[in-house]
PDB file of N, CA and C in Angstrom:
ATOM      1  N   MET A   1       0.821  -1.192   0.000  1.00  0.00           N
ATOM      2  CA  MET A   1       0.000   0.000   0.000  1.00  0.00           C
ATOM      3  C   MET A   1       0.864   1.253   0.000  1.00  0.00           C
ATOM      4  N   ALA A   2       0.786   2.004  -1.047  1.00  0.00           N
ATOM      5  CA  ALA A   2       1.524   3.261  -1.128  1.00  0.00           C
ATOM      6  C   ALA A   2       0.696   4.367  -0.497  1.00  0.00           C
ATOM      7  N   ARG A   3       1.331   5.090   0.369  1.00  0.00           N
ATOM      8  CA  ARG A   3       0.653   6.214   1.025  1.00  0.00           C
ATOM      9  C   ARG A   3       1.164   7.511   0.419  1.00  0.00           C
ATOM     10  N   HIS A   4       0.242   8.358  -0.029  1.00  0.00           N
ATOM     11  CA  HIS A   4       0.604   9.621  -0.681  1.00  0.00           C
ATOM     12  C   HIS A   4       0.525  10.741   0.344  1.00  0.00           C
ATOM     13  N   ASN A   5       1.667  11.332   0.665  1.00  0.00           N
ATOM     14  CA  ASN A   5       1.717  12.446   1.615  1.00  0.00           C
ATOM     15  C   ASN A   5       1.709  13.772   0.870  1.00  0.00           C
ATOM     16  N   ILE A   6       0.947  14.717   1.365  1.00  0.00           N
ATOM     17  CA  ILE A   6       0.952  16.075   0.831  1.00  0.00           C
ATOM     18  C   ILE A   6       1.676  16.949   1.847  1.00  0.00           C
ATOM     19  N   ASN A   7       2.728  17.617   1.415  1.00  0.00           N
ATOM     20  CA  ASN A   7       3.456  18.474   2.339  1.00  0.00           C
ATOM     21  C   ASN A   7       2.671  19.764   2.599  1.00  0.00           C
ATOM     22  N   ILE A   8       3.093  20.516   3.570  1.00  0.00           N
ATOM     23  CA  ILE A   8       2.353  21.717   3.991  1.00  0.00           C
ATOM     24  C   ILE A   8       2.284  22.743   2.861  1.00  0.00           C
ATOM     25  N   GLN A   9       3.343  22.859   2.085  1.00  0.00           N
ATOM     26  CA  GLN A   9       3.370  23.805   0.970  1.00  0.00           C
ATOM     27  C   GLN A   9       2.325  23.434  -0.081  1.00  0.00           C
ATOM     28  N   ASP A  10       2.317  22.180  -0.493  1.00  0.00           N
ATOM     29  CA  ASP A  10       1.360  21.745  -1.502  1.00  0.00           C
ATOM     30  C   ASP A  10      -0.072  21.822  -0.989  1.00  0.00           C
ATOM     31  N   GLY A  11      -0.285  21.510   0.289  1.00  0.00           N
ATOM     32  CA  GLY A  11      -1.620  21.616   0.871  1.00  0.00           C
ATOM     33  C   GLY A  11      -2.132  23.043   0.833  1.00  0.00           C
ATOM     34  N   PHE A  12      -1.271  23.998   1.189  1.00  0.00           N
ATOM     35  CA  PHE A  12      -1.643  25.412   1.167  1.00  0.00           C
ATOM     36  C   PHE A  12      -1.966  25.865  -0.253  1.00  0.00           C
ATOM     37  N   LEU A  13      -1.117  25.514  -1.192  1.00  0.00           N
ATOM     38  CA  LEU A  13      -1.326  25.927  -2.578  1.00  0.00           C
ATOM     39  C   LEU A  13      -2.559  25.269  -3.179  1.00  0.00           C
ATOM     40  N   PHE A  14      -2.757  23.973  -2.901  1.00  0.00           N
ATOM     41  CA  PHE A  14      -3.917  23.280  -3.445  1.00  0.00           C
ATOM     42  C   PHE A  14      -5.218  23.890  -2.921  1.00  0.00           C
ATOM     43  N   GLN A  15      -5.263  24.211  -1.622  1.00  0.00           N
ATOM     44  CA  GLN A  15      -6.460  24.824  -1.042  1.00  0.00           C
ATOM     45  C   GLN A  15      -6.732  26.185  -1.686  1.00  0.00           C
ATOM     46  N   ASN A  16      -5.680  26.960  -1.892  1.00  0.00           N
ATOM     47  CA  ASN A  16      -5.835  28.266  -2.528  1.00  0.00           C
ATOM     48  C   ASN A  16      -6.292  28.121  -3.970  1.00  0.00           C
ATOM     49  N   LEU A  17      -5.760  27.142  -4.675  1.00  0.00           N
ATOM     50  CA  LEU A  17      -6.155  26.889  -6.064  1.00  0.00           C
ATOM     51  C   LEU A  17      -7.617  26.478  -6.134  1.00  0.00           C
ATOM     52  N   LYS A  18      -8.033  25.610  -5.231  1.00  0.00           N
ATOM     53  CA  LYS A  18      -9.407  25.116  -5.213  1.00  0.00           C
ATOM     54  C   LYS A  18     -10.401  26.233  -4.913  1.00  0.00           C
ATOM     55  N   GLU A  19     -10.069  27.110  -3.980  1.00  0.00           N
ATOM     56  CA  GLU A  19     -10.969  28.194  -3.581  1.00  0.00           C
ATOM     57  C   GLU A  19     -10.842  29.422  -4.492  1.00  0.00           C
ATOM     58  N   ALA A  20      -9.843  29.460  -5.343  1.00  0.00           N
ATOM     59  CA  ALA A  20      -9.588  30.580  -6.265  1.00  0.00           C
ATOM     60  C   ALA A  20      -9.535  31.917  -5.538  1.00  0.00           C
ATOM     61  N   GLN A  21      -8.937  31.914  -4.356  1.00  0.00           N
ATOM     62  CA  GLN A  21      -8.790  33.146  -3.582  1.00  0.00           C
ATOM     63  C   GLN A  21      -7.661  33.992  -4.156  1.00  0.00           C
ATOM     64  N   PRO A  22      -7.788  35.305  -4.094  1.00  0.00           N
ATOM     65  CA  PRO A  22      -6.638  36.144  -4.444  1.00  0.00           C
ATOM     66  C   PRO A  22      -5.527  35.924  -3.415  1.00  0.00           C
ATOM     67  N   MET A  23      -4.299  36.084  -3.850  1.00  0.00           N
ATOM     68  CA  MET A  23      -3.185  35.929  -2.933  1.00  0.00           C
ATOM     69  C   MET A  23      -2.136  36.985  -3.195  1.00  0.00           C
ATOM     70  N   GLN A  24      -1.394  37.289  -2.154  1.00  0.00           N
ATOM     71  CA  GLN A  24      -0.293  38.235  -2.276  1.00  0.00           C
ATOM     72  C   GLN A  24       0.994  37.460  -2.060  1.00  0.00           C
ATOM     73  N   MET A  25       1.958  37.721  -2.912  1.00  0.00           N
ATOM     74  CA  MET A  25       3.230  37.034  -2.884  1.00  0.00           C
ATOM     75  C   MET A  25       4.327  38.071  -2.740  1.00  0.00           C
ATOM     76  N   GLU A  26       5.221  37.846  -1.801  1.00  0.00           N
ATOM     77  CA  GLU A  26       6.396  38.709  -1.679  1.00  0.00           C
ATOM     78  C   GLU A  26       7.593  37.893  -2.119  1.00  0.00           C
ATOM     79  N   LEU A  27       8.355  38.449  -3.045  1.00  0.00           N
ATOM     80  CA  LEU A  27       9.537  37.761  -3.543  1.00  0.00           C
ATOM     81  C   LEU A  27      10.748  38.111  -2.689  1.00  0.00           C
ATOM     82  N   VAL A  28      11.800  37.328  -2.794  1.00  0.00           N
ATOM     83  CA  VAL A  28      12.999  37.589  -2.003  1.00  0.00           C
ATOM     84  C   VAL A  28      13.637  38.928  -2.369  1.00  0.00           C
ATOM     85  N   THR A  29      13.299  39.467  -3.520  1.00  0.00           N
ATOM     86  CA  THR A  29      13.806  40.786  -3.932  1.00  0.00           C
ATOM     87  C   THR A  29      13.041  41.927  -3.271  1.00  0.00           C
ATOM     88  N   GLY A  30      11.902  41.598  -2.626  1.00  0.00           N
ATOM     89  CA  GLY A  30      11.074  42.624  -2.009  1.00  0.00           C
ATOM     90  C   GLY A  30       9.880  43.014  -2.865  1.00  0.00           C
ATOM     91  N   ARG A  31       9.845  42.569  -4.096  1.00  0.00           N
ATOM     92  CA  ARG A  31       8.721  42.877  -4.996  1.00  0.00           C
ATOM     93  C   ARG A  31       7.469  42.129  -4.538  1.00  0.00           C
ATOM     94  N   HIS A  32       6.315  42.787  -4.659  1.00  0.00           N
ATOM     95  CA  HIS A  32       5.036  42.179  -4.310  1.00  0.00           C
ATOM     96  C   HIS A  32       4.227  41.892  -5.571  1.00  0.00           C
ATOM     97  N   LEU A  33       3.628  40.716  -5.624  1.00  0.00           N
ATOM     98  CA  LEU A  33       2.719  40.350  -6.710  1.00  0.00           C
ATOM     99  C   LEU A  33       1.392  39.967  -6.090  1.00  0.00           C
ATOM    100  N   GLU A  34       0.309  40.338  -6.735  1.00  0.00           N
ATOM    101  CA  GLU A  34      -1.015  39.969  -6.256  1.00  0.00           C
ATOM    102  C   GLU A  34      -1.802  39.396  -7.418  1.00  0.00           C
ATOM    103  N   GLY A  35      -2.457  38.268  -7.175  1.00  0.00           N
ATOM    104  CA  GLY A  35      -3.242  37.636  -8.232  1.00  0.00           C
ATOM    105  C   GLY A  35      -3.850  36.337  -7.749  1.00  0.00           C
ATOM    106  N   ARG A  36      -4.331  35.553  -8.686  1.00  0.00           N
ATOM    107  CA  ARG A  36      -4.936  34.252  -8.375  1.00  0.00           C
ATOM    108  C   ARG A  36      -4.027  33.141  -8.865  1.00  0.00           C
ATOM    109  N   LEU A  37      -3.876  32.137  -8.041  1.00  0.00           N
ATOM    110  CA  LEU A  37      -3.067  30.988  -8.394  1.00  0.00           C
ATOM    111  C   LEU A  37      -3.756  30.205  -9.508  1.00  0.00           C
ATOM    112  N   LYS A  38      -3.030  29.919 -10.568  1.00  0.00           N
ATOM    113  CA  LYS A  38      -3.579  29.153 -11.694  1.00  0.00           C
ATOM    114  C   LYS A  38      -3.114  27.697 -11.660  1.00  0.00           C
ATOM    115  N   ARG A  39      -1.827  27.464 -11.362  1.00  0.00           N
ATOM    116  CA  ARG A  39      -1.296  26.112 -11.245  1.00  0.00           C
ATOM    117  C   ARG A  39       0.075  26.162 -10.570  1.00  0.00           C
ATOM    118  N   PHE A  40       0.528  24.989 -10.150  1.00  0.00           N
ATOM    119  CA  PHE A  40       1.836  24.902  -9.504  1.00  0.00           C
ATOM    120  C   PHE A  40       2.397  23.501  -9.670  1.00  0.00           C
ATOM    121  N   ASP A  41       3.707  23.385  -9.499  1.00  0.00           N
ATOM    122  CA  ASP A  41       4.365  22.086  -9.482  1.00  0.00           C
ATOM    123  C   ASP A  41       5.464  22.125  -8.428  1.00  0.00           C
ATOM    124  N   ARG A  42       6.417  21.205  -8.502  1.00  0.00           N
ATOM    125  CA  ARG A  42       7.469  21.140  -7.482  1.00  0.00           C
ATOM    126  C   ARG A  42       8.350  22.380  -7.455  1.00  0.00           C
ATOM    127  N   PHE A  43       8.495  23.045  -8.594  1.00  0.00           N
ATOM    128  CA  PHE A  43       9.486  24.109  -8.696  1.00  0.00           C
ATOM    129  C   PHE A  43       8.938  25.509  -8.909  1.00  0.00           C
ATOM    130  N   ALA A  44       7.684  25.634  -9.350  1.00  0.00           N
ATOM    131  CA  ALA A  44       7.184  26.954  -9.730  1.00  0.00           C
ATOM    132  C   ALA A  44       5.684  27.067  -9.499  1.00  0.00           C
ATOM    133  N   VAL A  45       5.213  28.307  -9.472  1.00  0.00           N
ATOM    134  CA  VAL A  45       3.778  28.605  -9.424  1.00  0.00           C
ATOM    135  C   VAL A  45       3.459  29.547 -10.574  1.00  0.00           C
ATOM    136  N   VAL A  46       2.238  29.485 -11.054  1.00  0.00           N
ATOM    137  CA  VAL A  46       1.763  30.422 -12.072  1.00  0.00           C
ATOM    138  C   VAL A  46       0.604  31.182 -11.457  1.00  0.00           C
ATOM    139  N   ILE A  47       0.717  32.512 -11.429  1.00  0.00           N
ATOM    140  CA  ILE A  47      -0.392  33.328 -10.946  1.00  0.00           C
ATOM    141  C   ILE A  47      -0.898  34.192 -12.094  1.00  0.00           C
ATOM    142  N   GLU A  48      -2.180  34.516 -12.020  1.00  0.00           N
ATOM    143  CA  GLU A  48      -2.780  35.411 -13.000  1.00  0.00           C
ATOM    144  C   GLU A  48      -2.966  36.761 -12.335  1.00  0.00           C
ATOM    145  N   ALA A  49      -2.350  37.775 -12.913  1.00  0.00           N
ATOM    146  CA  ALA A  49      -2.434  39.136 -12.388  1.00  0.00           C
ATOM    147  C   ALA A  49      -2.614  40.095 -13.551  1.00  0.00           C
ATOM    148  N   ASP A  50      -3.608  40.945 -13.472  1.00  0.00           N
ATOM    149  CA  ASP A  50      -3.880  41.943 -14.515  1.00  0.00           C
ATOM    150  C   ASP A  50      -4.032  41.302 -15.895  1.00  0.00           C
ATOM    151  N   GLY A  51      -4.676  40.132 -15.936  1.00  0.00           N
ATOM    152  CA  GLY A  51      -4.929  39.466 -17.197  1.00  0.00           C
ATOM    153  C   GLY A  51      -3.736  38.742 -17.800  1.00  0.00           C
ATOM    154  N   LYS A  52      -2.600  38.712 -17.082  1.00  0.00           N
ATOM    155  CA  LYS A  52      -1.396  38.035 -17.564  1.00  0.00           C
ATOM    156  C   LYS A  52      -1.061  36.887 -16.634  1.00  0.00           C
ATOM    157  N   GLU A  53      -0.486  35.821 -17.188  1.00  0.00           N
ATOM    158  CA  GLU A  53       0.011  34.729 -16.369  1.00  0.00           C
ATOM    159  C   GLU A  53       1.489  34.961 -16.103  1.00  0.00           C
ATOM    160  N   ILE A  54       1.872  34.824 -14.818  1.00  0.00           N
ATOM    161  CA  ILE A  54       3.250  35.065 -14.416  1.00  0.00           C
ATOM    162  C   ILE A  54       3.795  33.791 -13.778  1.00  0.00           C
ATOM    163  N   LEU A  55       4.901  33.286 -14.300  1.00  0.00           N
ATOM    164  CA  LEU A  55       5.580  32.122 -13.754  1.00  0.00           C
ATOM    165  C   LEU A  55       6.590  32.600 -12.722  1.00  0.00           C
ATOM    166  N   VAL A  56       6.497  32.076 -11.504  1.00  0.00           N
ATOM    167  CA  VAL A  56       7.419  32.450 -10.436  1.00  0.00           C
ATOM    168  C   VAL A  56       8.032  31.171  -9.878  1.00  0.00           C
ATOM    169  N   TYR A  57       9.346  31.109  -9.852  1.00  0.00           N
ATOM    170  CA  TYR A  57      10.015  29.958  -9.265  1.00  0.00           C
ATOM    171  C   TYR A  57       9.872  30.005  -7.747  1.00  0.00           C
ATOM    172  N   LYS A  58       9.597  28.864  -7.143  1.00  0.00           N
ATOM    173  CA  LYS A  58       9.349  28.820  -5.706  1.00  0.00           C
ATOM    174  C   LYS A  58      10.535  29.321  -4.896  1.00  0.00           C
ATOM    175  N   HIS A  59      11.755  29.092  -5.357  1.00  0.00           N
ATOM    176  CA  HIS A  59      12.909  29.551  -4.579  1.00  0.00           C
ATOM    177  C   HIS A  59      13.007  31.070  -4.528  1.00  0.00           C
ATOM    178  N   ALA A  60      12.233  31.767  -5.375  1.00  0.00           N
ATOM    179  CA  ALA A  60      12.233  33.234  -5.377  1.00  0.00           C
ATOM    180  C   ALA A  60      11.150  33.819  -4.475  1.00  0.00           C
ATOM    181  N   ILE A  61      10.304  32.961  -3.878  1.00  0.00           N
ATOM    182  CA  ILE A  61       9.190  33.431  -3.056  1.00  0.00           C
ATOM    183  C   ILE A  61       9.609  33.480  -1.590  1.00  0.00           C
ATOM    184  N   ALA A  62       9.393  34.639  -0.957  1.00  0.00           N
ATOM    185  CA  ALA A  62       9.663  34.791   0.471  1.00  0.00           C
ATOM    186  C   ALA A  62       8.408  34.430   1.273  1.00  0.00           C
ATOM    187  N   THR A  63       7.254  35.002   0.905  1.00  0.00           N
ATOM    188  CA  THR A  63       6.002  34.726   1.618  1.00  0.00           C
ATOM    189  C   THR A  63       4.835  34.668   0.642  1.00  0.00           C
ATOM    190  N   LEU A  64       3.820  33.914   1.047  1.00  0.00           N
ATOM    191  CA  LEU A  64       2.540  33.835   0.333  1.00  0.00           C
ATOM    192  C   LEU A  64       1.445  34.092   1.346  1.00  0.00           C
ATOM    193  N   GLU A  65       0.452  34.863   0.937  1.00  0.00           N
ATOM    194  CA  GLU A  65      -0.658  35.169   1.834  1.00  0.00           C
ATOM    195  C   GLU A  65      -1.961  35.123   1.052  1.00  0.00           C
ATOM    196  N   ALA A  66      -2.898  34.303   1.525  1.00  0.00           N
ATOM    197  CA  ALA A  66      -4.232  34.283   0.929  1.00  0.00           C
ATOM    198  C   ALA A  66      -4.954  35.537   1.396  1.00  0.00           C
ATOM    199  N   ILE A  67      -5.595  36.227   0.467  1.00  0.00           N
ATOM    200  CA  ILE A  67      -6.284  37.475   0.789  1.00  0.00           C
ATOM    201  C   ILE A  67      -7.770  37.205   0.879  1.00  0.00           C
ATOM    202  N   SER A  68      -8.336  37.477   2.020  1.00  0.00           N
ATOM    203  CA  SER A  68      -9.775  37.339   2.208  1.00  0.00           C
ATOM    204  C   SER A  68     -10.469  38.446   1.422  1.00  0.00           C
ATOM    205  N   PRO A  69     -11.548  38.124   0.693  1.00  0.00           N
ATOM    206  CA  PRO A  69     -12.239  39.157  -0.081  1.00  0.00           C
ATOM    207  C   PRO A  69     -12.756  40.315   0.768  1.00  0.00           C
ATOM    208  N   SER A  70     -13.020  40.070   2.060  1.00  0.00           N
ATOM    209  CA  SER A  70     -13.579  41.108   2.910  1.00  0.00           C
ATOM    210  C   SER A  70     -12.528  41.870   3.713  1.00  0.00           C
ATOM    211  N   ALA A  71     -11.265  41.430   3.641  1.00  0.00           N
ATOM    212  CA  ALA A  71     -10.232  42.079   4.449  1.00  0.00           C
ATOM    213  C   ALA A  71      -9.027  42.417   3.586  1.00  0.00           C
ATOM    214  N   PRO A  72      -8.369  43.551   3.860  1.00  0.00           N
ATOM    215  CA  PRO A  72      -7.164  43.899   3.110  1.00  0.00           C
ATOM    216  C   PRO A  72      -5.997  43.004   3.521  1.00  0.00           C
ATOM    217  N   ALA A  73      -4.974  42.961   2.688  1.00  0.00           N
ATOM    218  CA  ALA A  73      -3.774  42.184   3.008  1.00  0.00           C
ATOM    219  C   ALA A  73      -3.118  42.770   4.249  1.00  0.00           C
ATOM    220  N   THR A  74      -2.497  41.896   5.058  1.00  0.00           N
ATOM    221  CA  THR A  74      -1.925  42.348   6.320  1.00  0.00           C
ATOM    222  C   THR A  74      -0.412  42.415   6.297  1.00  0.00           C
ATOM    223  N   GLY A  75       0.209  42.192   5.167  1.00  0.00           N
ATOM    224  CA  GLY A  75       1.657  42.139   5.089  1.00  0.00           C
ATOM    225  C   GLY A  75       2.353  43.420   5.460  1.00  0.00           C
ATOM    226  N   GLU A  76       1.781  44.558   5.174  1.00  0.00           N
ATOM    227  CA  GLU A  76       2.432  45.834   5.439  1.00  0.00           C
ATOM    228  C   GLU A  76       1.510  46.728   6.225  1.00  0.00           C
ATOM    229  N   THR A  77       2.039  47.305   7.282  1.00  0.00           N
ATOM    230  CA  THR A  77       1.242  48.197   8.112  1.00  0.00           C
ATOM    231  C   THR A  77       1.798  49.607   8.034  1.00  0.00           C
ATOM    232  N   GLY A  78       0.964  50.524   7.581  1.00  0.00           N
ATOM    233  CA  GLY A  78       1.324  51.927   7.585  1.00  0.00           C
ATOM    234  C   GLY A  78       2.328  52.361   6.550  1.00  0.00           C
ATOM    235  N   SER A  79       2.675  51.495   5.599  1.00  0.00           N
ATOM    236  CA  SER A  79       3.618  51.929   4.575  1.00  0.00           C
ATOM    237  C   SER A  79       2.966  51.823   3.213  1.00  0.00           C
ATOM    238  N   SER A  80       3.398  52.666   2.305  1.00  0.00           N
ATOM    239  CA  SER A  80       2.880  52.605   0.947  1.00  0.00           C
ATOM    240  C   SER A  80       4.010  52.246   0.016  1.00  0.00           C
ATOM    241  N   SER A  81       3.736  51.387  -0.960  1.00  0.00           N
ATOM    242  CA  SER A  81       4.776  50.932  -1.887  1.00  0.00           C
ATOM    243  C   SER A  81       4.735  51.717  -3.158  1.00  0.00           C
TER     244      SER A  81
END
């Protein structure tokens, strides 16, 4: 019997993909991207932002945050980018 384990990263991404929630992504460079997750694999994610699909390698991602439709993103307090 083979047991298929889903790691915490894949579980988070799969749930976000299933619910089609907007998400905010901060890259290791400090750049912020906001959009909807379209697909992912072991090495990369594809998000749709402003009608474009953007491929982002996972090693370039610092944080991911699911954005509730009723609440603003909480990543930055009191600063404007």
